[in-house]
């Protein structure tokens, strides 16, 4: 546990600041509503199922992708580039915003476990321009990757993250002056014309056996023209309607649709709930993420996207399903091809 990759939880003055948060009670952060990590099962049973995972949790062949030049993206409309799972780049108002980058090839503290699917590691840190804003939603390994952070930090101007996560960055030697921490509902004009607000998600945190010492958040990204919901890991709940009531409608909702299971239903939405969350947010377009790169559950690797597309079509929700690296242009280009049918 002394390895750098595990990070370090807040202590001292950082911990005292956290204790002032209304979301921190009984020595840990809490969800808005009671939330169980596991339901109607035991950890031993879940472990046994993971040891005996079905083969279809991994794609049978390398996944296709598009290699887009990230350093020369257009400026006439916001562009979103997905890199698999929950990593994506947003170019808006001429600024580059990178969310939860994981480019080490694994979503775990050790390189030999939870490896990325073949064909999904087509981008490296060297492919990126200077990053104006780096957003880290929470500290789980599939969202906060030590190796990637160490490489991307020198070319990053501002790091925006949930309350307490800065303790990891400090332990890793990052410049404290670059970091802005958010409690839920904290709002900052991070750059001129770009406003960021942390909003509740229904999840948990922790990189060791100790949970919930740092916060987990989704984010609302706003400019004069556009509003984008940057969803994080979350179970379904009334918080989506609450967010909509505070912010109005969204041009795009980027929401998780994978790594679910009835055993941990409270902390990861089912695909059908992803569509309902988009409806609750009054979003014009849904872009499903948190799938297509890592096997962190027991479902078939392509089950999330098949289910979310079917429910979106049934519900009349506009959905975009780009390949890794394929540009989405707001109000213009929304790729929707069944590229996962290998």
C-alpha atoms as a PDB file:
ATOM      1  CA  UNK A   1       0.000   0.000   0.000  1.00  0.00           C
ATOM      2  CA  UNK A   2       3.050   2.278   0.087  1.00  0.00           C
ATOM      3  CA  UNK A   3       3.333   2.190  -3.707  1.00  0.00           C
ATOM      4  CA  UNK A   4       2.675   5.598  -5.274  1.00  0.00           C
ATOM      5  CA  UNK A   5      -0.093   4.210  -7.485  1.00  0.00           C
ATOM      6  CA  UNK A   6      -2.397   3.787  -4.482  1.00  0.00           C
ATOM      7  CA  UNK A   7      -2.318   7.505  -3.768  1.00  0.00           C
ATOM      8  CA  UNK A   8      -2.964   9.013  -0.359  1.00  0.00           C
ATOM      9  CA  UNK A   9      -6.154  10.063   1.392  1.00  0.00           C
ATOM     10  CA  UNK A  10      -6.567  13.577   2.834  1.00  0.00           C
ATOM     11  CA  UNK A  11      -5.028  14.345   6.216  1.00  0.00           C
ATOM     12  CA  UNK A  12      -4.111  17.332   8.360  1.00  0.00           C
ATOM     13  CA  UNK A  13      -5.407  20.688   7.116  1.00  0.00           C
ATOM     14  CA  UNK A  14      -6.881  19.065   3.997  1.00  0.00           C
ATOM     15  CA  UNK A  15      -8.974  16.737   6.136  1.00  0.00           C
ATOM     16  CA  UNK A  16     -10.140  19.586   8.355  1.00  0.00           C
ATOM     17  CA  UNK A  17     -11.343  21.468   5.264  1.00  0.00           C
ATOM     18  CA  UNK A  18     -13.236  18.395   4.103  1.00  0.00           C
ATOM     19  CA  UNK A  19     -14.974  17.988   7.459  1.00  0.00           C
ATOM     20  CA  UNK A  20     -16.705  21.330   6.837  1.00  0.00           C
ATOM     21  CA  UNK A  21     -18.546  19.854   3.847  1.00  0.00           C
ATOM     22  CA  UNK A  22     -22.215  19.061   4.381  1.00  0.00           C
ATOM     23  CA  UNK A  23     -21.609  15.897   2.350  1.00  0.00           C
ATOM     24  CA  UNK A  24     -19.025  14.600   4.854  1.00  0.00           C
ATOM     25  CA  UNK A  25     -20.566  12.848   7.864  1.00  0.00           C
ATOM     26  CA  UNK A  26     -19.470  10.036  10.186  1.00  0.00           C
ATOM     27  CA  UNK A  27     -15.862  10.224   8.935  1.00  0.00           C
ATOM     28  CA  UNK A  28     -16.710   9.765   5.250  1.00  0.00           C
ATOM     29  CA  UNK A  29     -18.502  11.289   2.274  1.00  0.00           C
ATOM     30  CA  UNK A  30     -22.107  10.227   1.724  1.00  0.00           C
ATOM     31  CA  UNK A  31     -24.594  10.055  -1.130  1.00  0.00           C
ATOM     32  CA  UNK A  32     -27.751  12.166  -1.121  1.00  0.00           C
ATOM     33  CA  UNK A  33     -29.779   9.023  -0.386  1.00  0.00           C
ATOM     34  CA  UNK A  34     -28.861   5.757   1.374  1.00  0.00           C
ATOM     35  CA  UNK A  35     -26.819   3.680  -1.063  1.00  0.00           C
ATOM     36  CA  UNK A  36     -25.632   0.078  -0.709  1.00  0.00           C
ATOM     37  CA  UNK A  37     -22.432  -1.072  -2.389  1.00  0.00           C
ATOM     38  CA  UNK A  38     -23.749  -4.647  -2.669  1.00  0.00           C
ATOM     39  CA  UNK A  39     -27.344  -5.883  -2.620  1.00  0.00           C
ATOM     40  CA  UNK A  40     -28.714  -9.403  -2.044  1.00  0.00           C
ATOM     41  CA  UNK A  41     -25.319 -11.064  -2.424  1.00  0.00           C
ATOM     42  CA  UNK A  42     -21.998 -11.615  -0.680  1.00  0.00           C
ATOM     43  CA  UNK A  43     -18.521 -10.459  -1.594  1.00  0.00           C
ATOM     44  CA  UNK A  44     -17.414 -14.085  -1.761  1.00  0.00           C
ATOM     45  CA  UNK A  45     -20.144 -14.900  -4.269  1.00  0.00           C
ATOM     46  CA  UNK A  46     -19.227 -11.910  -6.432  1.00  0.00           C
ATOM     47  CA  UNK A  47     -15.526 -12.829  -6.284  1.00  0.00           C
ATOM     48  CA  UNK A  48     -16.295 -16.378  -7.427  1.00  0.00           C
ATOM     49  CA  UNK A  49     -18.307 -15.067 -10.380  1.00  0.00           C
ATOM     50  CA  UNK A  50     -15.443 -12.773 -11.392  1.00  0.00           C
ATOM     51  CA  UNK A  51     -12.962 -15.643 -11.235  1.00  0.00           C
ATOM     52  CA  UNK A  52     -15.251 -17.558 -13.581  1.00  0.00           C
ATOM     53  CA  UNK A  53     -16.152 -14.694 -15.918  1.00  0.00           C
ATOM     54  CA  UNK A  54     -17.862 -15.565 -19.200  1.00  0.00           C
ATOM     55  CA  UNK A  55     -15.602 -15.313 -22.253  1.00  0.00           C
ATOM     56  CA  UNK A  56     -17.918 -12.825 -23.926  1.00  0.00           C
ATOM     57  CA  UNK A  57     -16.919 -10.094 -21.459  1.00  0.00           C
ATOM     58  CA  UNK A  58     -13.939  -9.546 -23.818  1.00  0.00           C
ATOM     59  CA  UNK A  59     -14.354  -8.720 -27.554  1.00  0.00           C
ATOM     60  CA  UNK A  60     -13.413 -11.611 -29.868  1.00  0.00           C
ATOM     61  CA  UNK A  61     -11.302  -9.353 -32.133  1.00  0.00           C
ATOM     62  CA  UNK A  62      -9.555  -5.960 -31.809  1.00  0.00           C
ATOM     63  CA  UNK A  63     -12.003  -3.065 -31.766  1.00  0.00           C
ATOM     64  CA  UNK A  64     -12.038  -0.590 -34.671  1.00  0.00           C
ATOM     65  CA  UNK A  65     -11.115   3.054 -34.178  1.00  0.00           C
ATOM     66  CA  UNK A  66     -10.504   6.351 -35.963  1.00  0.00           C
ATOM     67  CA  UNK A  67      -7.181   8.158 -35.553  1.00  0.00           C
ATOM     68  CA  UNK A  68      -8.112  11.838 -35.469  1.00  0.00           C
ATOM     69  CA  UNK A  69      -5.489  14.575 -35.252  1.00  0.00           C
ATOM     70  CA  UNK A  70      -6.305  15.968 -31.794  1.00  0.00           C
ATOM     71  CA  UNK A  71      -4.045  18.978 -32.306  1.00  0.00           C
ATOM     72  CA  UNK A  72      -6.058  20.379 -35.231  1.00  0.00           C
ATOM     73  CA  UNK A  73      -9.710  19.957 -34.262  1.00  0.00           C
ATOM     74  CA  UNK A  74     -12.186  22.468 -35.756  1.00  0.00           C
ATOM     75  CA  UNK A  75     -13.224  25.586 -33.824  1.00  0.00           C
ATOM     76  CA  UNK A  76     -16.622  26.320 -35.349  1.00  0.00           C
ATOM     77  CA  UNK A  77     -18.546  24.001 -32.969  1.00  0.00           C
ATOM     78  CA  UNK A  78     -17.779  21.973 -29.839  1.00  0.00           C
ATOM     79  CA  UNK A  79     -16.062  18.661 -30.632  1.00  0.00           C
ATOM     80  CA  UNK A  80     -16.058  15.541 -28.454  1.00  0.00           C
ATOM     81  CA  UNK A  81     -13.648  12.660 -28.991  1.00  0.00           C
ATOM     82  CA  UNK A  82     -14.200   9.426 -27.020  1.00  0.00           C
ATOM     83  CA  UNK A  83     -11.235   7.161 -26.169  1.00  0.00           C
ATOM     84  CA  UNK A  84     -13.166   4.238 -24.709  1.00  0.00           C
ATOM     85  CA  UNK A  85     -14.635   3.809 -21.225  1.00  0.00           C
ATOM     86  CA  UNK A  86     -15.006   7.256 -19.577  1.00  0.00           C
ATOM     87  CA  UNK A  87     -12.093   9.087 -21.209  1.00  0.00           C
ATOM     88  CA  UNK A  88     -12.912  11.845 -23.698  1.00  0.00           C
ATOM     89  CA  UNK A  89     -11.702  15.191 -24.993  1.00  0.00           C
ATOM     90  CA  UNK A  90     -13.969  18.211 -25.416  1.00  0.00           C
ATOM     91  CA  UNK A  91     -12.834  21.169 -27.506  1.00  0.00           C
ATOM     92  CA  UNK A  92     -15.044  24.157 -26.813  1.00  0.00           C
ATOM     93  CA  UNK A  93     -14.404  27.918 -27.146  1.00  0.00           C
ATOM     94  CA  UNK A  94     -11.003  26.980 -28.530  1.00  0.00           C
ATOM     95  CA  UNK A  95     -10.042  25.223 -25.261  1.00  0.00           C
ATOM     96  CA  UNK A  96      -9.188  21.555 -24.744  1.00  0.00           C
ATOM     97  CA  UNK A  97     -10.911  19.824 -21.821  1.00  0.00           C
ATOM     98  CA  UNK A  98      -9.856  16.248 -21.026  1.00  0.00           C
ATOM     99  CA  UNK A  99     -12.019  14.034 -18.799  1.00  0.00           C
ATOM    100  CA  UNK A 100     -10.851  11.000 -16.762  1.00  0.00           C
ATOM    101  CA  UNK A 101      -7.976   9.938 -19.065  1.00  0.00           C
ATOM    102  CA  UNK A 102      -6.741   6.345 -18.759  1.00  0.00           C
ATOM    103  CA  UNK A 103      -4.011   5.545 -21.289  1.00  0.00           C
ATOM    104  CA  UNK A 104      -1.818   3.111 -19.326  1.00  0.00           C
ATOM    105  CA  UNK A 105      -3.459   0.027 -20.823  1.00  0.00           C
ATOM    106  CA  UNK A 106      -5.023  -1.109 -17.553  1.00  0.00           C
ATOM    107  CA  UNK A 107      -7.645   0.067 -15.056  1.00  0.00           C
ATOM    108  CA  UNK A 108      -6.050  -1.213 -11.866  1.00  0.00           C
ATOM    109  CA  UNK A 109      -2.988  -0.586  -9.700  1.00  0.00           C
ATOM    110  CA  UNK A 110      -1.107  -3.371 -11.508  1.00  0.00           C
ATOM    111  CA  UNK A 111      -0.478  -3.657 -15.247  1.00  0.00           C
ATOM    112  CA  UNK A 112      -1.272  -7.384 -15.386  1.00  0.00           C
ATOM    113  CA  UNK A 113      -4.914  -6.975 -14.303  1.00  0.00           C
ATOM    114  CA  UNK A 114      -7.979  -5.330 -15.871  1.00  0.00           C
ATOM    115  CA  UNK A 115      -6.249  -4.792 -19.190  1.00  0.00           C
ATOM    116  CA  UNK A 116      -7.789  -2.681 -21.936  1.00  0.00           C
ATOM    117  CA  UNK A 117      -9.396  -4.420 -24.897  1.00  0.00           C
ATOM    118  CA  UNK A 118      -7.281  -5.023 -27.992  1.00  0.00           C
ATOM    119  CA  UNK A 119      -7.511  -2.092 -30.397  1.00  0.00           C
ATOM    120  CA  UNK A 120      -8.517   0.497 -27.786  1.00  0.00           C
ATOM    121  CA  UNK A 121      -5.078   1.934 -26.984  1.00  0.00           C
ATOM    122  CA  UNK A 122      -4.602   3.834 -30.236  1.00  0.00           C
ATOM    123  CA  UNK A 123      -4.037   7.174 -28.468  1.00  0.00           C
ATOM    124  CA  UNK A 124      -1.209   8.144 -26.136  1.00  0.00           C
ATOM    125  CA  UNK A 125      -0.461  11.313 -24.172  1.00  0.00           C
ATOM    126  CA  UNK A 126       1.853  12.415 -27.012  1.00  0.00           C
ATOM    127  CA  UNK A 127      -1.176  12.686 -29.324  1.00  0.00           C
ATOM    128  CA  UNK A 128      -2.707  15.476 -27.243  1.00  0.00           C
ATOM    129  CA  UNK A 129      -2.310  19.229 -27.505  1.00  0.00           C
ATOM    130  CA  UNK A 130      -1.829  21.323 -24.383  1.00  0.00           C
ATOM    131  CA  UNK A 131      -4.725  20.585 -22.029  1.00  0.00           C
ATOM    132  CA  UNK A 132      -6.482  23.681 -20.713  1.00  0.00           C
ATOM    133  CA  UNK A 133      -8.671  21.843 -18.185  1.00  0.00           C
ATOM    134  CA  UNK A 134      -8.247  18.306 -16.874  1.00  0.00           C
ATOM    135  CA  UNK A 135     -11.366  16.986 -15.107  1.00  0.00           C
ATOM    136  CA  UNK A 136     -11.134  14.014 -12.744  1.00  0.00           C
ATOM    137  CA  UNK A 137     -14.557  12.900 -11.508  1.00  0.00           C
ATOM    138  CA  UNK A 138     -13.361  10.592  -8.705  1.00  0.00           C
ATOM    139  CA  UNK A 139     -10.413   8.488  -7.633  1.00  0.00           C
ATOM    140  CA  UNK A 140     -11.213   4.971  -8.907  1.00  0.00           C
ATOM    141  CA  UNK A 141      -8.532   3.412 -11.094  1.00  0.00           C
ATOM    142  CA  UNK A 142     -10.651   3.436 -14.256  1.00  0.00           C
ATOM    143  CA  UNK A 143     -10.992   7.235 -13.917  1.00  0.00           C
ATOM    144  CA  UNK A 144      -7.817   8.361 -12.131  1.00  0.00           C
ATOM    145  CA  UNK A 145      -4.812   6.651 -13.705  1.00  0.00           C
ATOM    146  CA  UNK A 146      -1.484   7.317 -12.020  1.00  0.00           C
ATOM    147  CA  UNK A 147       0.669   6.682 -15.091  1.00  0.00           C
ATOM    148  CA  UNK A 148      -1.446   8.909 -17.332  1.00  0.00           C
ATOM    149  CA  UNK A 149      -1.646  11.717 -14.762  1.00  0.00           C
ATOM    150  CA  UNK A 150       2.118  11.823 -14.348  1.00  0.00           C
ATOM    151  CA  UNK A 151       2.559  12.153 -18.115  1.00  0.00           C
ATOM    152  CA  UNK A 152      -0.281  14.576 -18.842  1.00  0.00           C
ATOM    153  CA  UNK A 153       0.182  16.921 -15.845  1.00  0.00           C
ATOM    154  CA  UNK A 154       3.160  18.840 -17.308  1.00  0.00           C
ATOM    155  CA  UNK A 155       1.056  19.844 -20.346  1.00  0.00           C
ATOM    156  CA  UNK A 156      -2.054  20.688 -18.277  1.00  0.00           C
ATOM    157  CA  UNK A 157      -2.955  24.206 -17.156  1.00  0.00           C
ATOM    158  CA  UNK A 158      -5.759  23.524 -14.642  1.00  0.00           C
ATOM    159  CA  UNK A 159      -6.912  20.345 -12.885  1.00  0.00           C
ATOM    160  CA  UNK A 160     -10.535  20.294 -11.667  1.00  0.00           C
ATOM    161  CA  UNK A 161     -11.575  17.488  -9.379  1.00  0.00           C
ATOM    162  CA  UNK A 162     -13.802  16.439  -6.494  1.00  0.00           C
ATOM    163  CA  UNK A 163     -13.111  17.433  -2.911  1.00  0.00           C
ATOM    164  CA  UNK A 164     -10.269  15.434  -1.369  1.00  0.00           C
ATOM    165  CA  UNK A 165      -8.813  14.027  -4.599  1.00  0.00           C
ATOM    166  CA  UNK A 166      -6.068  16.678  -4.534  1.00  0.00           C
ATOM    167  CA  UNK A 167      -4.417  14.657  -1.751  1.00  0.00           C
ATOM    168  CA  UNK A 168      -3.507  12.037  -4.371  1.00  0.00           C
ATOM    169  CA  UNK A 169      -2.100  14.711  -6.677  1.00  0.00           C
ATOM    170  CA  UNK A 170      -0.069  16.239  -3.868  1.00  0.00           C
ATOM    171  CA  UNK A 171       1.362  12.810  -3.001  1.00  0.00           C
ATOM    172  CA  UNK A 172       2.311  12.365  -6.658  1.00  0.00           C
ATOM    173  CA  UNK A 173       4.185  15.669  -6.736  1.00  0.00           C
ATOM    174  CA  UNK A 174       1.809  17.733  -8.894  1.00  0.00           C
ATOM    175  CA  UNK A 175       1.753  21.517  -8.704  1.00  0.00           C
ATOM    176  CA  UNK A 176      -0.852  22.483  -6.075  1.00  0.00           C
ATOM    177  CA  UNK A 177      -1.442  25.825  -7.764  1.00  0.00           C
ATOM    178  CA  UNK A 178      -2.951  24.036 -10.771  1.00  0.00           C
ATOM    179  CA  UNK A 179      -5.633  22.220  -8.780  1.00  0.00           C
ATOM    180  CA  UNK A 180      -9.204  23.360  -8.123  1.00  0.00           C
ATOM    181  CA  UNK A 181     -11.306  21.139  -5.851  1.00  0.00           C
ATOM    182  CA  UNK A 182     -15.114  21.107  -5.988  1.00  0.00           C
ATOM    183  CA  UNK A 183     -17.725  20.157  -3.443  1.00  0.00           C
ATOM    184  CA  UNK A 184     -21.194  19.458  -4.850  1.00  0.00           C
ATOM    185  CA  UNK A 185     -22.775  22.643  -6.235  1.00  0.00           C
ATOM    186  CA  UNK A 186     -19.468  24.549  -6.182  1.00  0.00           C
ATOM    187  CA  UNK A 187     -19.257  26.668  -9.333  1.00  0.00           C
ATOM    188  CA  UNK A 188     -16.155  28.281 -10.862  1.00  0.00           C
ATOM    189  CA  UNK A 189     -15.492  30.184 -14.061  1.00  0.00           C
ATOM    190  CA  UNK A 190     -12.410  28.077 -14.638  1.00  0.00           C
ATOM    191  CA  UNK A 191     -11.407  29.929 -17.798  1.00  0.00           C
ATOM    192  CA  UNK A 192     -12.874  33.025 -19.391  1.00  0.00           C
ATOM    193  CA  UNK A 193     -16.287  32.045 -20.722  1.00  0.00           C
ATOM    194  CA  UNK A 194     -16.134  28.453 -19.380  1.00  0.00           C
ATOM    195  CA  UNK A 195     -18.045  27.694 -16.207  1.00  0.00           C
ATOM    196  CA  UNK A 196     -17.817  24.385 -14.352  1.00  0.00           C
ATOM    197  CA  UNK A 197     -20.097  23.160 -11.574  1.00  0.00           C
ATOM    198  CA  UNK A 198     -19.737  19.921  -9.608  1.00  0.00           C
ATOM    199  CA  UNK A 199     -23.050  18.134  -9.117  1.00  0.00           C
ATOM    200  CA  UNK A 200     -24.081  15.027  -7.163  1.00  0.00           C
ATOM    201  CA  UNK A 201     -23.578  11.491  -8.398  1.00  0.00           C
ATOM    202  CA  UNK A 202     -24.590   8.281  -6.611  1.00  0.00           C
ATOM    203  CA  UNK A 203     -21.407   6.313  -6.193  1.00  0.00           C
ATOM    204  CA  UNK A 204     -18.409   5.876  -3.861  1.00  0.00           C
ATOM    205  CA  UNK A 205     -14.627   6.346  -3.833  1.00  0.00           C
ATOM    206  CA  UNK A 206     -11.366   4.778  -2.697  1.00  0.00           C
ATOM    207  CA  UNK A 207      -8.149   3.309  -4.079  1.00  0.00           C
ATOM    208  CA  UNK A 208      -7.497   0.925  -1.165  1.00  0.00           C
ATOM    209  CA  UNK A 209      -9.740  -0.900   1.304  1.00  0.00           C
ATOM    210  CA  UNK A 210     -10.773   2.443   2.837  1.00  0.00           C
ATOM    211  CA  UNK A 211     -13.798   3.987   1.134  1.00  0.00           C
ATOM    212  CA  UNK A 212     -15.336   7.425   0.727  1.00  0.00           C
ATOM    213  CA  UNK A 213     -12.528   9.629   2.043  1.00  0.00           C
ATOM    214  CA  UNK A 214     -12.724  11.633  -1.207  1.00  0.00           C
ATOM    215  CA  UNK A 215     -15.801  12.877  -3.068  1.00  0.00           C
ATOM    216  CA  UNK A 216     -17.258  11.685  -6.397  1.00  0.00           C
ATOM    217  CA  UNK A 217     -18.918  14.151  -8.766  1.00  0.00           C
ATOM    218  CA  UNK A 218     -20.466  14.722 -12.139  1.00  0.00           C
ATOM    219  CA  UNK A 219     -19.903  18.148 -13.726  1.00  0.00           C
ATOM    220  CA  UNK A 220     -21.933  20.692 -15.648  1.00  0.00           C
ATOM    221  CA  UNK A 221     -19.925  22.503 -18.332  1.00  0.00           C
ATOM    222  CA  UNK A 222     -21.445  25.796 -19.514  1.00  0.00           C
ATOM    223  CA  UNK A 223     -20.503  28.500 -22.000  1.00  0.00           C
ATOM    224  CA  UNK A 224     -22.603  31.337 -23.404  1.00  0.00           C
ATOM    225  CA  UNK A 225     -23.906  29.008 -26.115  1.00  0.00           C
ATOM    226  CA  UNK A 226     -23.690  25.452 -24.833  1.00  0.00           C
ATOM    227  CA  UNK A 227     -24.420  23.283 -21.818  1.00  0.00           C
ATOM    228  CA  UNK A 228     -22.889  19.797 -21.511  1.00  0.00           C
ATOM    229  CA  UNK A 229     -23.522  17.269 -18.761  1.00  0.00           C
ATOM    230  CA  UNK A 230     -20.289  15.451 -17.905  1.00  0.00           C
ATOM    231  CA  UNK A 231     -21.662  12.410 -16.185  1.00  0.00           C
ATOM    232  CA  UNK A 232     -19.653  10.301 -13.795  1.00  0.00           C
ATOM    233  CA  UNK A 233     -20.201   6.842 -12.361  1.00  0.00           C
ATOM    234  CA  UNK A 234     -23.636   6.886 -10.774  1.00  0.00           C
ATOM    235  CA  UNK A 235     -26.587   4.814  -9.822  1.00  0.00           C
ATOM    236  CA  UNK A 236     -29.931   6.149 -10.958  1.00  0.00           C
ATOM    237  CA  UNK A 237     -31.788   8.555  -8.682  1.00  0.00           C
ATOM    238  CA  UNK A 238     -33.693  11.802  -8.315  1.00  0.00           C
ATOM    239  CA  UNK A 239     -30.456  13.786  -8.487  1.00  0.00           C
ATOM    240  CA  UNK A 240     -30.737  13.917 -12.286  1.00  0.00           C
ATOM    241  CA  UNK A 241     -34.082  15.727 -12.049  1.00  0.00           C
ATOM    242  CA  UNK A 242     -32.647  18.010  -9.364  1.00  0.00           C
ATOM    243  CA  UNK A 243     -29.726  18.930 -11.642  1.00  0.00           C
ATOM    244  CA  UNK A 244     -32.106  19.686 -14.505  1.00  0.00           C
ATOM    245  CA  UNK A 245     -34.202  21.919 -12.276  1.00  0.00           C
ATOM    246  CA  UNK A 246     -31.117  23.959 -11.419  1.00  0.00           C
ATOM    247  CA  UNK A 247     -29.529  24.133 -14.875  1.00  0.00           C
ATOM    248  CA  UNK A 248     -32.296  23.697 -17.418  1.00  0.00           C
ATOM    249  CA  UNK A 249     -31.799  21.584 -20.546  1.00  0.00           C
ATOM    250  CA  UNK A 250     -28.514  20.284 -21.945  1.00  0.00           C
ATOM    251  CA  UNK A 251     -27.162  20.141 -25.481  1.00  0.00           C
ATOM    252  CA  UNK A 252     -25.446  16.837 -24.693  1.00  0.00           C
ATOM    253  CA  UNK A 253     -25.503  14.362 -21.807  1.00  0.00           C
ATOM    254  CA  UNK A 254     -22.463  12.088 -21.539  1.00  0.00           C
ATOM    255  CA  UNK A 255     -23.653   9.263 -19.285  1.00  0.00           C
ATOM    256  CA  UNK A 256     -22.341   5.883 -18.170  1.00  0.00           C
ATOM    257  CA  UNK A 257     -24.091   2.793 -19.519  1.00  0.00           C
ATOM    258  CA  UNK A 258     -21.776  -0.106 -18.622  1.00  0.00           C
ATOM    259  CA  UNK A 259     -20.180  -2.145 -15.825  1.00  0.00           C
ATOM    260  CA  UNK A 260     -23.545  -2.662 -14.148  1.00  0.00           C
ATOM    261  CA  UNK A 261     -24.969  -5.609 -12.234  1.00  0.00           C
ATOM    262  CA  UNK A 262     -28.039  -6.135 -10.062  1.00  0.00           C
ATOM    263  CA  UNK A 263     -25.658  -6.753  -7.147  1.00  0.00           C
ATOM    264  CA  UNK A 264     -24.351  -3.174  -7.369  1.00  0.00           C
ATOM    265  CA  UNK A 265     -27.372  -1.545  -8.982  1.00  0.00           C
ATOM    266  CA  UNK A 266     -27.314   1.412  -6.562  1.00  0.00           C
ATOM    267  CA  UNK A 267     -23.919   2.659  -7.788  1.00  0.00           C
ATOM    268  CA  UNK A 268     -24.060   1.878 -11.536  1.00  0.00           C
ATOM    269  CA  UNK A 269     -27.080   2.491 -13.756  1.00  0.00           C
ATOM    270  CA  UNK A 270     -28.607  -0.134 -15.971  1.00  0.00           C
ATOM    271  CA  UNK A 271     -28.580   0.942 -19.659  1.00  0.00           C
ATOM    272  CA  UNK A 272     -32.309   1.614 -19.632  1.00  0.00           C
ATOM    273  CA  UNK A 273     -31.805   3.921 -16.640  1.00  0.00           C
ATOM    274  CA  UNK A 274     -29.116   5.752 -18.600  1.00  0.00           C
ATOM    275  CA  UNK A 275     -31.770   6.701 -21.154  1.00  0.00           C
ATOM    276  CA  UNK A 276     -34.127   7.765 -18.384  1.00  0.00           C
ATOM    277  CA  UNK A 277     -31.381   9.908 -16.833  1.00  0.00           C
ATOM    278  CA  UNK A 278     -30.967  11.635 -20.210  1.00  0.00           C
ATOM    279  CA  UNK A 279     -34.720  12.275 -20.281  1.00  0.00           C
ATOM    280  CA  UNK A 280     -34.608  13.585 -16.703  1.00  0.00           C
ATOM    281  CA  UNK A 281     -31.820  15.987 -17.667  1.00  0.00           C
ATOM    282  CA  UNK A 282     -33.800  17.264 -20.689  1.00  0.00           C
ATOM    283  CA  UNK A 283     -30.748  16.595 -22.858  1.00  0.00           C
ATOM    284  CA  UNK A 284     -31.040  16.908 -26.623  1.00  0.00           C
ATOM    285  CA  UNK A 285     -28.545  14.104 -27.321  1.00  0.00           C
ATOM    286  CA  UNK A 286     -27.218  11.144 -25.307  1.00  0.00           C
ATOM    287  CA  UNK A 287     -23.628   9.940 -25.626  1.00  0.00           C
ATOM    288  CA  UNK A 288     -23.146   6.674 -23.672  1.00  0.00           C
ATOM    289  CA  UNK A 289     -19.720   5.985 -22.142  1.00  0.00           C
ATOM    290  CA  UNK A 290     -18.171   3.724 -19.461  1.00  0.00           C
ATOM    291  CA  UNK A 291     -18.039   0.769 -21.844  1.00  0.00           C
ATOM    292  CA  UNK A 292     -15.920  -0.507 -24.726  1.00  0.00           C
ATOM    293  CA  UNK A 293     -12.463  -0.633 -23.114  1.00  0.00           C
ATOM    294  CA  UNK A 294     -12.403  -2.588 -19.834  1.00  0.00           C
ATOM    295  CA  UNK A 295     -14.282  -5.559 -18.437  1.00  0.00           C
ATOM    296  CA  UNK A 296     -15.299  -4.494 -14.931  1.00  0.00           C
ATOM    297  CA  UNK A 297     -18.523  -6.488 -14.665  1.00  0.00           C
ATOM    298  CA  UNK A 298     -19.990  -9.816 -15.750  1.00  0.00           C
ATOM    299  CA  UNK A 299     -22.062  -8.762 -18.760  1.00  0.00           C
ATOM    300  CA  UNK A 300     -21.049  -9.285 -22.394  1.00  0.00           C
ATOM    301  CA  UNK A 301     -18.705  -6.525 -23.540  1.00  0.00           C
ATOM    302  CA  UNK A 302     -21.232  -5.168 -26.073  1.00  0.00           C
ATOM    303  CA  UNK A 303     -24.402  -5.680 -24.027  1.00  0.00           C
ATOM    304  CA  UNK A 304     -24.426  -2.112 -22.610  1.00  0.00           C
ATOM    305  CA  UNK A 305     -24.431  -0.392 -25.989  1.00  0.00           C
ATOM    306  CA  UNK A 306     -27.029  -2.755 -27.481  1.00  0.00           C
ATOM    307  CA  UNK A 307     -29.382  -2.203 -24.556  1.00  0.00           C
ATOM    308  CA  UNK A 308     -28.947   1.563 -24.366  1.00  0.00           C
ATOM    309  CA  UNK A 309     -29.436   2.015 -28.127  1.00  0.00           C
ATOM    310  CA  UNK A 310     -32.575  -0.160 -28.086  1.00  0.00           C
ATOM    311  CA  UNK A 311     -34.059   1.804 -25.186  1.00  0.00           C
ATOM    312  CA  UNK A 312     -33.126   5.174 -26.713  1.00  0.00           C
ATOM    313  CA  UNK A 313     -34.773   4.261 -30.013  1.00  0.00           C
ATOM    314  CA  UNK A 314     -37.861   3.012 -28.192  1.00  0.00           C
ATOM    315  CA  UNK A 315     -38.036   6.222 -26.121  1.00  0.00           C
ATOM    316  CA  UNK A 316     -37.368   8.639 -28.972  1.00  0.00           C
ATOM    317  CA  UNK A 317     -34.074   9.798 -27.456  1.00  0.00           C
ATOM    318  CA  UNK A 318     -31.428  10.974 -29.922  1.00  0.00           C
ATOM    319  CA  UNK A 319     -28.230   9.011 -29.315  1.00  0.00           C
ATOM    320  CA  UNK A 320     -24.715   9.128 -30.746  1.00  0.00           C
ATOM    321  CA  UNK A 321     -22.397   6.108 -30.672  1.00  0.00           C
ATOM    322  CA  UNK A 322     -18.991   7.070 -32.082  1.00  0.00           C
ATOM    323  CA  UNK A 323     -16.083   4.710 -32.469  1.00  0.00           C
ATOM    324  CA  UNK A 324     -13.016   5.433 -30.408  1.00  0.00           C
ATOM    325  CA  UNK A 325     -11.479   8.571 -31.907  1.00  0.00           C
ATOM    326  CA  UNK A 326     -14.469   9.448 -34.121  1.00  0.00           C
ATOM    327  CA  UNK A 327     -15.461  13.126 -33.735  1.00  0.00           C
ATOM    328  CA  UNK A 328     -18.860  14.226 -32.482  1.00  0.00           C
ATOM    329  CA  UNK A 329     -19.714  17.836 -33.456  1.00  0.00           C
ATOM    330  CA  UNK A 330     -22.536  19.435 -31.495  1.00  0.00           C
ATOM    331  CA  UNK A 331     -25.554  20.377 -33.623  1.00  0.00           C
ATOM    332  CA  UNK A 332     -23.845  18.909 -36.665  1.00  0.00           C
ATOM    333  CA  UNK A 333     -22.312  15.414 -36.658  1.00  0.00           C
ATOM    334  CA  UNK A 334     -23.654  12.614 -34.431  1.00  0.00           C
ATOM    335  CA  UNK A 335     -22.178   9.252 -35.512  1.00  0.00           C
ATOM    336  CA  UNK A 336     -24.529   6.325 -35.067  1.00  0.00           C
ATOM    337  CA  UNK A 337     -23.276   3.097 -36.577  1.00  0.00           C
ATOM    338  CA  UNK A 338     -23.434  -0.434 -35.163  1.00  0.00           C
ATOM    339  CA  UNK A 339     -19.638  -0.684 -35.308  1.00  0.00           C
ATOM    340  CA  UNK A 340     -19.587  -3.138 -32.375  1.00  0.00           C
ATOM    341  CA  UNK A 341     -21.138  -5.864 -34.561  1.00  0.00           C
ATOM    342  CA  UNK A 342     -17.794  -7.568 -35.172  1.00  0.00           C
END
